[in-house]
Amino acid sequence: PEVEKAVTAALEYLKHQQNPDGSWGVTDRVWMTALALLAYDGRCESFESTHYGNTMIKGAIFLVEVGKKSRDGMIAERSSSRNAPVEHCMATKALGQMYLAAQRGSKSLPGMREAFESGVRFIINSPATGPEGIPNIAFHLAWKAEALHVAKLTGLKFDGIEECIARLKNSLNAIQSADGGFEPPPPK
């Protein structure tokens, strides 16, 4: 009961911190919105939830709209940002989770599937480790793996996903240290 009470308090806090446009945060709004949506999903909330459904819908709409505005297919407010590749993977994972939940229910969001599919295709077509200069390559690869995992769970067909997963595994193996941790590659 204490854990459930704490989770409810956290979700209530998030609900009251949501921006009018559906996002969370002041900076890194895509990143923060993805994490907030994943928190609701972790509690098995959905668009149909009485208390949190509208909150989640507004958050998902924000991510869909950011994706629609993108010229290069990246779900990030500033695709030139060093954190944009991670932000994109987090947003894609969140939209995928929302899509999975919508498959089980009756409420769907126009444009969500397309934004998710576009996000997955962007990941499949991106370099295995991402662009040069990503601050934390292991963090990026982990979110990329999460997004590809949810893509497989949806049952949607994505050309090249198996090859992308193989490249991702190779990239992770390349940065795994002897003690099992993950470190950035040594400087060239």
N, C-alpha and C. Protein backbone atom coordinates (compact mmCIF):
# COMPACT_ATOMS: atom_id res chain seq x y z
N PRO A 1 0.81 -1.22 0.00
CA PRO A 1 0.00 0.00 0.00
C PRO A 1 0.84 1.28 0.00
N GLU A 2 2.00 1.24 0.70
CA GLU A 2 2.84 2.43 0.75
C GLU A 2 3.46 2.73 -0.61
N VAL A 3 3.83 1.68 -1.32
CA VAL A 3 4.42 1.87 -2.65
C VAL A 3 3.37 2.43 -3.60
N GLU A 4 2.18 1.86 -3.57
CA GLU A 4 1.11 2.35 -4.44
C GLU A 4 0.78 3.81 -4.15
N LYS A 5 0.79 4.17 -2.90
CA LYS A 5 0.54 5.56 -2.50
C LYS A 5 1.63 6.48 -3.05
N ALA A 6 2.88 6.03 -2.98
CA ALA A 6 4.00 6.83 -3.49
C ALA A 6 3.92 6.98 -5.01
N VAL A 7 3.57 5.91 -5.71
CA VAL A 7 3.45 5.97 -7.17
C VAL A 7 2.33 6.93 -7.56
N THR A 8 1.21 6.84 -6.88
CA THR A 8 0.09 7.74 -7.17
C THR A 8 0.50 9.19 -6.93
N ALA A 9 1.22 9.44 -5.85
CA ALA A 9 1.68 10.81 -5.56
C ALA A 9 2.60 11.30 -6.68
N ALA A 10 3.47 10.44 -7.17
CA ALA A 10 4.39 10.83 -8.25
C ALA A 10 3.63 11.13 -9.53
N LEU A 11 2.65 10.30 -9.87
CA LEU A 11 1.87 10.52 -11.09
C LEU A 11 1.01 11.78 -10.98
N GLU A 12 0.50 12.04 -9.79
CA GLU A 12 -0.26 13.28 -9.57
C GLU A 12 0.66 14.50 -9.74
N TYR A 13 1.86 14.40 -9.19
CA TYR A 13 2.83 15.48 -9.34
C TYR A 13 3.09 15.75 -10.82
N LEU A 14 3.35 14.68 -11.57
CA LEU A 14 3.60 14.84 -13.00
C LEU A 14 2.41 15.47 -13.70
N LYS A 15 1.22 15.02 -13.35
CA LYS A 15 0.01 15.56 -13.98
C LYS A 15 -0.07 17.08 -13.79
N HIS A 16 0.29 17.54 -12.63
CA HIS A 16 0.18 18.98 -12.34
C HIS A 16 1.38 19.79 -12.85
N GLN A 17 2.42 19.10 -13.32
CA GLN A 17 3.58 19.77 -13.89
C GLN A 17 3.53 19.85 -15.41
N GLN A 18 2.54 19.22 -16.02
CA GLN A 18 2.45 19.19 -17.48
C GLN A 18 2.20 20.60 -18.02
N ASN A 19 2.91 20.94 -19.07
CA ASN A 19 2.75 22.23 -19.74
C ASN A 19 1.45 22.24 -20.56
N PRO A 20 0.91 23.42 -20.84
CA PRO A 20 -0.33 23.50 -21.63
C PRO A 20 -0.24 22.81 -23.00
N ASP A 21 0.97 22.76 -23.59
CA ASP A 21 1.12 22.12 -24.90
C ASP A 21 1.24 20.60 -24.82
N GLY A 22 1.15 20.04 -23.59
CA GLY A 22 1.23 18.59 -23.41
C GLY A 22 2.61 18.10 -23.02
N SER A 23 3.60 18.95 -23.10
CA SER A 23 4.98 18.55 -22.77
C SER A 23 5.23 18.67 -21.27
N TRP A 24 6.39 18.20 -20.88
CA TRP A 24 6.90 18.41 -19.52
C TRP A 24 8.26 19.07 -19.64
N GLY A 25 8.62 19.86 -18.65
CA GLY A 25 9.93 20.48 -18.61
C GLY A 25 9.95 21.85 -19.26
N VAL A 26 11.09 22.51 -19.11
CA VAL A 26 11.33 23.81 -19.73
C VAL A 26 12.31 23.63 -20.87
N THR A 27 13.35 22.89 -20.61
CA THR A 27 14.31 22.50 -21.65
C THR A 27 14.21 20.99 -21.81
N ASP A 28 14.71 20.46 -22.87
CA ASP A 28 14.66 19.01 -23.13
C ASP A 28 13.24 18.47 -22.99
N ARG A 29 12.29 19.20 -23.57
CA ARG A 29 10.87 18.83 -23.39
C ARG A 29 10.51 17.49 -24.02
N VAL A 30 11.14 17.12 -25.12
CA VAL A 30 10.84 15.82 -25.73
C VAL A 30 11.31 14.72 -24.80
N TRP A 31 12.51 14.86 -24.29
CA TRP A 31 13.10 13.89 -23.38
C TRP A 31 12.23 13.74 -22.13
N MET A 32 11.87 14.87 -21.54
CA MET A 32 11.07 14.86 -20.31
C MET A 32 9.67 14.31 -20.55
N THR A 33 9.09 14.62 -21.70
CA THR A 33 7.76 14.13 -22.02
C THR A 33 7.78 12.61 -22.21
N ALA A 34 8.79 12.12 -22.90
CA ALA A 34 8.93 10.67 -23.08
C ALA A 34 9.03 9.97 -21.73
N LEU A 35 9.86 10.49 -20.83
CA LEU A 35 10.00 9.87 -19.51
C LEU A 35 8.71 9.92 -18.71
N ALA A 36 7.99 11.03 -18.77
CA ALA A 36 6.72 11.13 -18.05
C ALA A 36 5.72 10.11 -18.58
N LEU A 37 5.61 10.00 -19.91
CA LEU A 37 4.69 9.03 -20.49
C LEU A 37 5.07 7.60 -20.10
N LEU A 38 6.36 7.31 -20.05
CA LEU A 38 6.80 5.98 -19.66
C LEU A 38 6.50 5.70 -18.19
N ALA A 39 6.51 6.74 -17.36
CA ALA A 39 6.14 6.57 -15.95
C ALA A 39 4.66 6.16 -15.85
N TYR A 40 3.80 6.82 -16.61
CA TYR A 40 2.38 6.45 -16.60
C TYR A 40 2.20 5.03 -17.15
N ASP A 41 2.91 4.72 -18.22
CA ASP A 41 2.83 3.39 -18.81
C ASP A 41 3.30 2.32 -17.82
N GLY A 42 4.30 2.65 -17.03
CA GLY A 42 4.82 1.71 -16.04
C GLY A 42 3.78 1.35 -14.99
N ARG A 43 2.81 2.18 -14.82
CA ARG A 43 1.72 1.92 -13.88
C ARG A 43 0.53 1.30 -14.61
N CYS A 44 0.71 0.97 -15.89
CA CYS A 44 -0.35 0.39 -16.74
C CYS A 44 -1.49 1.37 -16.98
N GLU A 45 -1.17 2.65 -16.95
CA GLU A 45 -2.16 3.66 -17.33
C GLU A 45 -2.21 3.69 -18.85
N SER A 46 -3.30 4.21 -19.40
CA SER A 46 -3.44 4.28 -20.85
C SER A 46 -4.30 5.49 -21.21
N PHE A 47 -4.50 5.68 -22.51
CA PHE A 47 -5.36 6.76 -22.97
C PHE A 47 -6.77 6.62 -22.42
N GLU A 48 -7.16 5.42 -22.08
CA GLU A 48 -8.50 5.15 -21.56
C GLU A 48 -8.62 5.35 -20.05
N SER A 49 -7.50 5.56 -19.38
CA SER A 49 -7.53 5.72 -17.92
C SER A 49 -8.37 6.94 -17.54
N THR A 50 -9.24 6.74 -16.58
CA THR A 50 -10.14 7.80 -16.14
C THR A 50 -9.38 9.02 -15.63
N HIS A 51 -8.37 8.78 -14.81
CA HIS A 51 -7.69 9.89 -14.15
C HIS A 51 -6.50 10.45 -14.94
N TYR A 52 -5.82 9.61 -15.71
CA TYR A 52 -4.59 10.06 -16.39
C TYR A 52 -4.66 9.99 -17.91
N GLY A 53 -5.76 9.49 -18.47
CA GLY A 53 -5.85 9.32 -19.92
C GLY A 53 -5.63 10.60 -20.70
N ASN A 54 -6.31 11.69 -20.31
CA ASN A 54 -6.14 12.96 -21.04
C ASN A 54 -4.74 13.52 -20.91
N THR A 55 -4.13 13.32 -19.75
CA THR A 55 -2.74 13.76 -19.54
C THR A 55 -1.82 13.04 -20.52
N MET A 56 -2.02 11.74 -20.64
CA MET A 56 -1.19 10.95 -21.54
C MET A 56 -1.45 11.31 -23.01
N ILE A 57 -2.70 11.52 -23.36
CA ILE A 57 -3.03 11.91 -24.73
C ILE A 57 -2.34 13.21 -25.10
N LYS A 58 -2.41 14.20 -24.22
CA LYS A 58 -1.76 15.49 -24.49
C LYS A 58 -0.25 15.31 -24.67
N GLY A 59 0.38 14.46 -23.84
CA GLY A 59 1.82 14.22 -23.96
C GLY A 59 2.16 13.54 -25.28
N ALA A 60 1.37 12.55 -25.65
CA ALA A 60 1.63 11.85 -26.91
C ALA A 60 1.42 12.78 -28.10
N ILE A 61 0.39 13.61 -28.05
CA ILE A 61 0.16 14.58 -29.13
C ILE A 61 1.37 15.50 -29.28
N PHE A 62 1.94 15.94 -28.15
CA PHE A 62 3.13 16.79 -28.22
C PHE A 62 4.24 16.08 -28.99
N LEU A 63 4.51 14.81 -28.67
CA LEU A 63 5.58 14.08 -29.36
C LEU A 63 5.26 13.89 -30.84
N VAL A 64 4.01 13.58 -31.15
CA VAL A 64 3.60 13.41 -32.55
C VAL A 64 3.82 14.71 -33.32
N GLU A 65 3.44 15.83 -32.71
CA GLU A 65 3.58 17.14 -33.38
C GLU A 65 5.05 17.50 -33.58
N VAL A 66 5.90 17.21 -32.62
CA VAL A 66 7.33 17.46 -32.80
C VAL A 66 7.85 16.64 -33.98
N GLY A 67 7.43 15.38 -34.05
CA GLY A 67 7.84 14.53 -35.17
C GLY A 67 7.36 15.05 -36.51
N LYS A 68 6.15 15.59 -36.56
CA LYS A 68 5.61 16.14 -37.81
C LYS A 68 6.39 17.35 -38.28
N LYS A 69 6.91 18.14 -37.35
CA LYS A 69 7.65 19.36 -37.70
C LYS A 69 9.07 19.07 -38.18
N SER A 70 9.55 17.87 -37.90
CA SER A 70 10.93 17.53 -38.22
C SER A 70 11.11 17.35 -39.72
N ARG A 71 12.17 17.92 -40.23
CA ARG A 71 12.50 17.78 -41.66
C ARG A 71 13.25 16.48 -41.94
N ASP A 72 13.97 15.99 -40.92
CA ASP A 72 14.81 14.81 -41.13
C ASP A 72 14.24 13.54 -40.49
N GLY A 73 13.05 13.62 -39.89
CA GLY A 73 12.42 12.46 -39.29
C GLY A 73 12.77 12.23 -37.83
N MET A 74 13.60 13.09 -37.28
CA MET A 74 14.01 12.93 -35.89
C MET A 74 12.98 13.58 -34.97
N ILE A 75 12.60 12.86 -33.92
CA ILE A 75 11.67 13.40 -32.93
C ILE A 75 12.51 14.09 -31.87
N ALA A 76 12.86 15.32 -32.15
CA ALA A 76 13.68 16.14 -31.26
C ALA A 76 13.40 17.59 -31.61
N GLU A 77 13.39 18.44 -30.59
CA GLU A 77 13.11 19.86 -30.87
C GLU A 77 14.25 20.51 -31.63
N ARG A 78 15.48 20.10 -31.34
CA ARG A 78 16.65 20.64 -32.04
C ARG A 78 17.49 19.46 -32.51
N SER A 79 17.32 19.07 -33.76
CA SER A 79 18.03 17.89 -34.26
C SER A 79 19.54 18.09 -34.29
N SER A 80 20.00 19.32 -34.17
CA SER A 80 21.44 19.59 -34.15
C SER A 80 22.04 19.42 -32.75
N SER A 81 21.21 19.25 -31.74
CA SER A 81 21.69 19.08 -30.37
C SER A 81 22.47 17.77 -30.24
N ARG A 82 23.49 17.77 -29.39
CA ARG A 82 24.28 16.55 -29.15
C ARG A 82 23.41 15.45 -28.54
N ASN A 83 22.37 15.83 -27.82
CA ASN A 83 21.50 14.85 -27.17
C ASN A 83 20.32 14.42 -28.04
N ALA A 84 20.17 15.01 -29.21
CA ALA A 84 19.01 14.72 -30.06
C ALA A 84 18.87 13.23 -30.40
N PRO A 85 19.95 12.49 -30.70
CA PRO A 85 19.76 11.07 -31.01
C PRO A 85 19.17 10.27 -29.85
N VAL A 86 19.59 10.57 -28.63
CA VAL A 86 19.04 9.89 -27.45
C VAL A 86 17.59 10.33 -27.25
N GLU A 87 17.35 11.62 -27.37
CA GLU A 87 16.01 12.17 -27.22
C GLU A 87 15.04 11.50 -28.20
N HIS A 88 15.50 11.32 -29.43
CA HIS A 88 14.69 10.68 -30.45
C HIS A 88 14.35 9.24 -30.05
N CYS A 89 15.34 8.50 -29.59
CA CYS A 89 15.10 7.10 -29.20
C CYS A 89 14.13 7.02 -28.03
N MET A 90 14.27 7.93 -27.07
CA MET A 90 13.36 7.95 -25.92
C MET A 90 11.92 8.25 -26.38
N ALA A 91 11.77 9.21 -27.25
CA ALA A 91 10.44 9.57 -27.76
C ALA A 91 9.84 8.43 -28.57
N THR A 92 10.65 7.77 -29.37
CA THR A 92 10.18 6.65 -30.17
C THR A 92 9.72 5.51 -29.26
N LYS A 93 10.51 5.22 -28.23
CA LYS A 93 10.13 4.19 -27.26
C LYS A 93 8.79 4.55 -26.61
N ALA A 94 8.63 5.79 -26.16
CA ALA A 94 7.39 6.21 -25.51
C ALA A 94 6.20 6.09 -26.45
N LEU A 95 6.36 6.55 -27.69
CA LEU A 95 5.25 6.43 -28.65
C LEU A 95 4.92 4.97 -28.93
N GLY A 96 5.94 4.13 -28.97
CA GLY A 96 5.71 2.70 -29.17
C GLY A 96 4.93 2.09 -28.03
N GLN A 97 5.26 2.46 -26.81
CA GLN A 97 4.53 1.95 -25.65
C GLN A 97 3.09 2.43 -25.68
N MET A 98 2.88 3.69 -26.07
CA MET A 98 1.52 4.21 -26.17
C MET A 98 0.74 3.48 -27.26
N TYR A 99 1.42 3.17 -28.36
CA TYR A 99 0.79 2.43 -29.46
C TYR A 99 0.39 1.03 -29.00
N LEU A 100 1.29 0.35 -28.28
CA LEU A 100 0.98 -0.98 -27.75
C LEU A 100 -0.26 -0.95 -26.86
N ALA A 101 -0.32 0.03 -25.96
CA ALA A 101 -1.46 0.15 -25.06
C ALA A 101 -2.74 0.44 -25.85
N ALA A 102 -2.63 1.27 -26.88
CA ALA A 102 -3.81 1.61 -27.69
C ALA A 102 -4.30 0.39 -28.46
N GLN A 103 -3.39 -0.51 -28.84
CA GLN A 103 -3.79 -1.74 -29.54
C GLN A 103 -4.72 -2.59 -28.67
N ARG A 104 -4.48 -2.57 -27.37
CA ARG A 104 -5.28 -3.38 -26.44
C ARG A 104 -6.59 -2.69 -26.06
N GLY A 105 -6.69 -1.41 -26.31
CA GLY A 105 -7.89 -0.66 -25.93
C GLY A 105 -8.67 -0.20 -27.13
N SER A 106 -9.52 0.76 -26.90
CA SER A 106 -10.35 1.27 -27.99
C SER A 106 -9.97 2.69 -28.41
N LYS A 107 -9.15 3.37 -27.60
CA LYS A 107 -8.76 4.74 -27.93
C LYS A 107 -7.41 4.73 -28.63
N SER A 108 -7.39 5.36 -29.78
CA SER A 108 -6.14 5.53 -30.53
C SER A 108 -5.97 7.00 -30.81
N LEU A 109 -4.79 7.36 -31.19
CA LEU A 109 -4.47 8.76 -31.43
C LEU A 109 -4.08 8.93 -32.89
N PRO A 110 -4.78 9.77 -33.64
CA PRO A 110 -4.42 9.97 -35.05
C PRO A 110 -2.97 10.43 -35.18
N GLY A 111 -2.26 9.79 -36.07
CA GLY A 111 -0.87 10.17 -36.34
C GLY A 111 0.15 9.49 -35.45
N MET A 112 -0.27 8.83 -34.38
CA MET A 112 0.70 8.23 -33.45
C MET A 112 1.44 7.06 -34.11
N ARG A 113 0.71 6.20 -34.77
CA ARG A 113 1.37 5.06 -35.42
C ARG A 113 2.37 5.56 -36.45
N GLU A 114 1.97 6.54 -37.25
CA GLU A 114 2.87 7.05 -38.28
C GLU A 114 4.12 7.68 -37.68
N ALA A 115 3.95 8.43 -36.59
CA ALA A 115 5.10 9.05 -35.92
C ALA A 115 6.03 7.98 -35.36
N PHE A 116 5.44 6.95 -34.77
CA PHE A 116 6.24 5.85 -34.23
C PHE A 116 6.98 5.13 -35.34
N GLU A 117 6.28 4.79 -36.42
CA GLU A 117 6.93 4.10 -37.54
C GLU A 117 8.06 4.94 -38.14
N SER A 118 7.82 6.21 -38.28
CA SER A 118 8.85 7.11 -38.80
C SER A 118 10.05 7.14 -37.85
N GLY A 119 9.77 7.17 -36.55
CA GLY A 119 10.86 7.17 -35.56
C GLY A 119 11.69 5.91 -35.63
N VAL A 120 11.04 4.77 -35.80
CA VAL A 120 11.77 3.49 -35.90
C VAL A 120 12.59 3.46 -37.19
N ARG A 121 12.01 3.91 -38.30
CA ARG A 121 12.76 3.93 -39.56
C ARG A 121 13.99 4.83 -39.45
N PHE A 122 13.85 5.95 -38.75
CA PHE A 122 15.00 6.84 -38.56
C PHE A 122 16.11 6.09 -37.81
N ILE A 123 15.75 5.34 -36.77
CA ILE A 123 16.73 4.57 -36.01
C ILE A 123 17.39 3.52 -36.89
N ILE A 124 16.58 2.79 -37.65
CA ILE A 124 17.12 1.74 -38.53
C ILE A 124 18.10 2.31 -39.53
N ASN A 125 17.82 3.50 -40.05
CA ASN A 125 18.66 4.10 -41.08
C ASN A 125 19.83 4.91 -40.52
N SER A 126 19.91 5.05 -39.20
CA SER A 126 21.00 5.84 -38.61
C SER A 126 22.23 4.97 -38.41
N PRO A 127 23.41 5.59 -38.25
CA PRO A 127 24.62 4.81 -38.01
C PRO A 127 24.46 3.93 -36.75
N ALA A 128 25.16 2.81 -36.73
CA ALA A 128 25.04 1.84 -35.64
C ALA A 128 25.21 2.47 -34.27
N THR A 129 26.20 3.33 -34.11
CA THR A 129 26.44 3.92 -32.80
C THR A 129 25.87 5.33 -32.70
N GLY A 130 25.36 5.84 -33.78
CA GLY A 130 24.86 7.21 -33.78
C GLY A 130 25.93 8.15 -34.29
N PRO A 131 25.59 9.42 -34.42
CA PRO A 131 26.56 10.38 -34.93
C PRO A 131 27.72 10.57 -33.95
N GLU A 132 28.82 11.03 -34.49
CA GLU A 132 29.99 11.32 -33.65
C GLU A 132 29.65 12.37 -32.60
N GLY A 133 30.26 12.27 -31.44
CA GLY A 133 30.13 13.30 -30.43
C GLY A 133 28.97 13.12 -29.47
N ILE A 134 28.28 11.97 -29.51
CA ILE A 134 27.22 11.74 -28.54
C ILE A 134 27.87 11.64 -27.16
N PRO A 135 27.36 12.39 -26.18
CA PRO A 135 28.00 12.44 -24.87
C PRO A 135 28.15 11.08 -24.18
N ASN A 136 27.16 10.22 -24.24
CA ASN A 136 27.23 8.93 -23.57
C ASN A 136 26.71 7.86 -24.52
N ILE A 137 27.65 7.21 -25.20
CA ILE A 137 27.26 6.25 -26.24
C ILE A 137 26.49 5.07 -25.67
N ALA A 138 26.84 4.58 -24.47
CA ALA A 138 26.13 3.44 -23.89
C ALA A 138 24.67 3.82 -23.60
N PHE A 139 24.46 5.01 -23.11
CA PHE A 139 23.11 5.51 -22.82
C PHE A 139 22.29 5.56 -24.10
N HIS A 140 22.89 6.07 -25.16
CA HIS A 140 22.23 6.15 -26.46
C HIS A 140 21.89 4.76 -26.99
N LEU A 141 22.86 3.85 -26.93
CA LEU A 141 22.61 2.50 -27.44
C LEU A 141 21.53 1.79 -26.64
N ALA A 142 21.47 2.03 -25.34
CA ALA A 142 20.43 1.41 -24.51
C ALA A 142 19.04 1.89 -24.93
N TRP A 143 18.88 3.19 -25.15
CA TRP A 143 17.57 3.71 -25.57
C TRP A 143 17.24 3.26 -26.99
N LYS A 144 18.26 3.13 -27.83
CA LYS A 144 18.02 2.62 -29.19
C LYS A 144 17.50 1.19 -29.10
N ALA A 145 18.11 0.39 -28.22
CA ALA A 145 17.66 -1.00 -28.03
C ALA A 145 16.23 -1.04 -27.51
N GLU A 146 15.90 -0.15 -26.57
CA GLU A 146 14.53 -0.09 -26.03
C GLU A 146 13.52 0.23 -27.13
N ALA A 147 13.84 1.19 -27.98
CA ALA A 147 12.92 1.57 -29.06
C ALA A 147 12.74 0.43 -30.05
N LEU A 148 13.83 -0.26 -30.40
CA LEU A 148 13.73 -1.38 -31.34
C LEU A 148 12.98 -2.55 -30.71
N HIS A 149 13.15 -2.76 -29.41
CA HIS A 149 12.44 -3.83 -28.73
C HIS A 149 10.93 -3.60 -28.80
N VAL A 150 10.50 -2.39 -28.47
CA VAL A 150 9.06 -2.12 -28.53
C VAL A 150 8.56 -2.19 -29.97
N ALA A 151 9.41 -1.84 -30.94
CA ALA A 151 9.01 -1.95 -32.35
C ALA A 151 8.69 -3.40 -32.70
N LYS A 152 9.50 -4.31 -32.22
CA LYS A 152 9.24 -5.73 -32.47
C LYS A 152 7.97 -6.20 -31.76
N LEU A 153 7.72 -5.69 -30.55
CA LEU A 153 6.53 -6.10 -29.80
C LEU A 153 5.23 -5.67 -30.48
N THR A 154 5.27 -4.59 -31.24
CA THR A 154 4.04 -4.09 -31.88
C THR A 154 3.54 -5.02 -32.98
N GLY A 155 4.43 -5.82 -33.55
CA GLY A 155 4.04 -6.67 -34.66
C GLY A 155 4.05 -5.95 -36.00
N LEU A 156 4.38 -4.66 -35.99
CA LEU A 156 4.50 -3.92 -37.25
C LEU A 156 5.74 -4.40 -37.98
N LYS A 157 5.72 -4.30 -39.28
CA LYS A 157 6.85 -4.76 -40.10
C LYS A 157 7.77 -3.58 -40.42
N PHE A 158 9.05 -3.77 -40.10
CA PHE A 158 10.06 -2.75 -40.37
C PHE A 158 11.20 -3.39 -41.15
N ASP A 159 11.35 -2.99 -42.41
CA ASP A 159 12.46 -3.49 -43.21
C ASP A 159 13.78 -3.07 -42.57
N GLY A 160 14.69 -4.01 -42.45
CA GLY A 160 16.03 -3.71 -41.94
C GLY A 160 16.16 -3.76 -40.42
N ILE A 161 15.09 -4.09 -39.70
CA ILE A 161 15.18 -4.05 -38.23
C ILE A 161 16.14 -5.12 -37.69
N GLU A 162 16.13 -6.31 -38.28
CA GLU A 162 17.01 -7.37 -37.78
C GLU A 162 18.48 -7.01 -37.99
N GLU A 163 18.79 -6.43 -39.14
CA GLU A 163 20.17 -6.00 -39.40
C GLU A 163 20.57 -4.89 -38.44
N CYS A 164 19.64 -3.99 -38.16
CA CYS A 164 19.92 -2.89 -37.23
C CYS A 164 20.18 -3.44 -35.83
N ILE A 165 19.40 -4.42 -35.41
CA ILE A 165 19.60 -5.02 -34.09
C ILE A 165 20.96 -5.71 -34.04
N ALA A 166 21.36 -6.38 -35.11
CA ALA A 166 22.68 -7.03 -35.16
C ALA A 166 23.80 -5.99 -35.04
N ARG A 167 23.67 -4.86 -35.75
CA ARG A 167 24.68 -3.79 -35.64
C ARG A 167 24.71 -3.22 -34.23
N LEU A 168 23.54 -3.08 -33.62
CA LEU A 168 23.45 -2.56 -32.26
C LEU A 168 24.17 -3.50 -31.29
N LYS A 169 23.95 -4.80 -31.43
CA LYS A 169 24.64 -5.78 -30.58
C LYS A 169 26.14 -5.67 -30.74
N ASN A 170 26.60 -5.54 -31.98
CA ASN A 170 28.04 -5.40 -32.22
C ASN A 170 28.59 -4.14 -31.57
N SER A 171 27.83 -3.06 -31.65
CA SER A 171 28.26 -1.79 -31.04
C SER A 171 28.35 -1.93 -29.52
N LEU A 172 27.37 -2.60 -28.93
CA LEU A 172 27.41 -2.80 -27.48
C LEU A 172 28.58 -3.69 -27.08
N ASN A 173 28.81 -4.76 -27.84
CA ASN A 173 29.95 -5.64 -27.56
C ASN A 173 31.27 -4.88 -27.64
N ALA A 174 31.36 -3.94 -28.57
CA ALA A 174 32.60 -3.18 -28.78
C ALA A 174 32.92 -2.27 -27.60
N ILE A 175 31.91 -1.84 -26.86
CA ILE A 175 32.19 -0.93 -25.74
C ILE A 175 32.07 -1.61 -24.37
N GLN A 176 31.83 -2.92 -24.37
CA GLN A 176 31.75 -3.63 -23.09
C GLN A 176 33.16 -3.94 -22.60
N SER A 177 33.42 -3.58 -21.35
CA SER A 177 34.74 -3.81 -20.77
C SER A 177 34.83 -5.23 -20.22
N ALA A 178 36.02 -5.63 -19.85
CA ALA A 178 36.27 -6.98 -19.35
C ALA A 178 35.46 -7.29 -18.09
N ASP A 179 35.17 -6.26 -17.28
CA ASP A 179 34.41 -6.50 -16.05
C ASP A 179 32.89 -6.48 -16.28
N GLY A 180 32.47 -6.34 -17.53
CA GLY A 180 31.04 -6.37 -17.86
C GLY A 180 30.40 -5.01 -18.00
N GLY A 181 31.07 -3.96 -17.59
CA GLY A 181 30.52 -2.61 -17.71
C GLY A 181 30.61 -2.11 -19.14
N PHE A 182 30.07 -0.94 -19.36
CA PHE A 182 30.10 -0.35 -20.70
C PHE A 182 30.81 0.98 -20.63
N GLU A 183 31.79 1.13 -21.46
CA GLU A 183 32.60 2.34 -21.49
C GLU A 183 32.63 2.90 -22.90
N PRO A 184 32.86 4.19 -23.01
CA PRO A 184 33.00 4.76 -24.36
C PRO A 184 34.27 4.20 -25.01
N PRO A 185 34.28 4.16 -26.33
CA PRO A 185 35.48 3.69 -27.01
C PRO A 185 36.65 4.61 -26.73
N PRO A 186 37.88 4.08 -26.74
CA PRO A 186 39.04 4.93 -26.49
C PRO A 186 39.18 5.98 -27.59
N PRO A 187 39.75 7.14 -27.25
CA PRO A 187 39.93 8.19 -28.27
C PRO A 187 40.83 7.69 -29.41
N LYS A 188 40.55 8.21 -30.59
CA LYS A 188 41.34 7.81 -31.77
C LYS A 188 42.61 8.59 -31.89
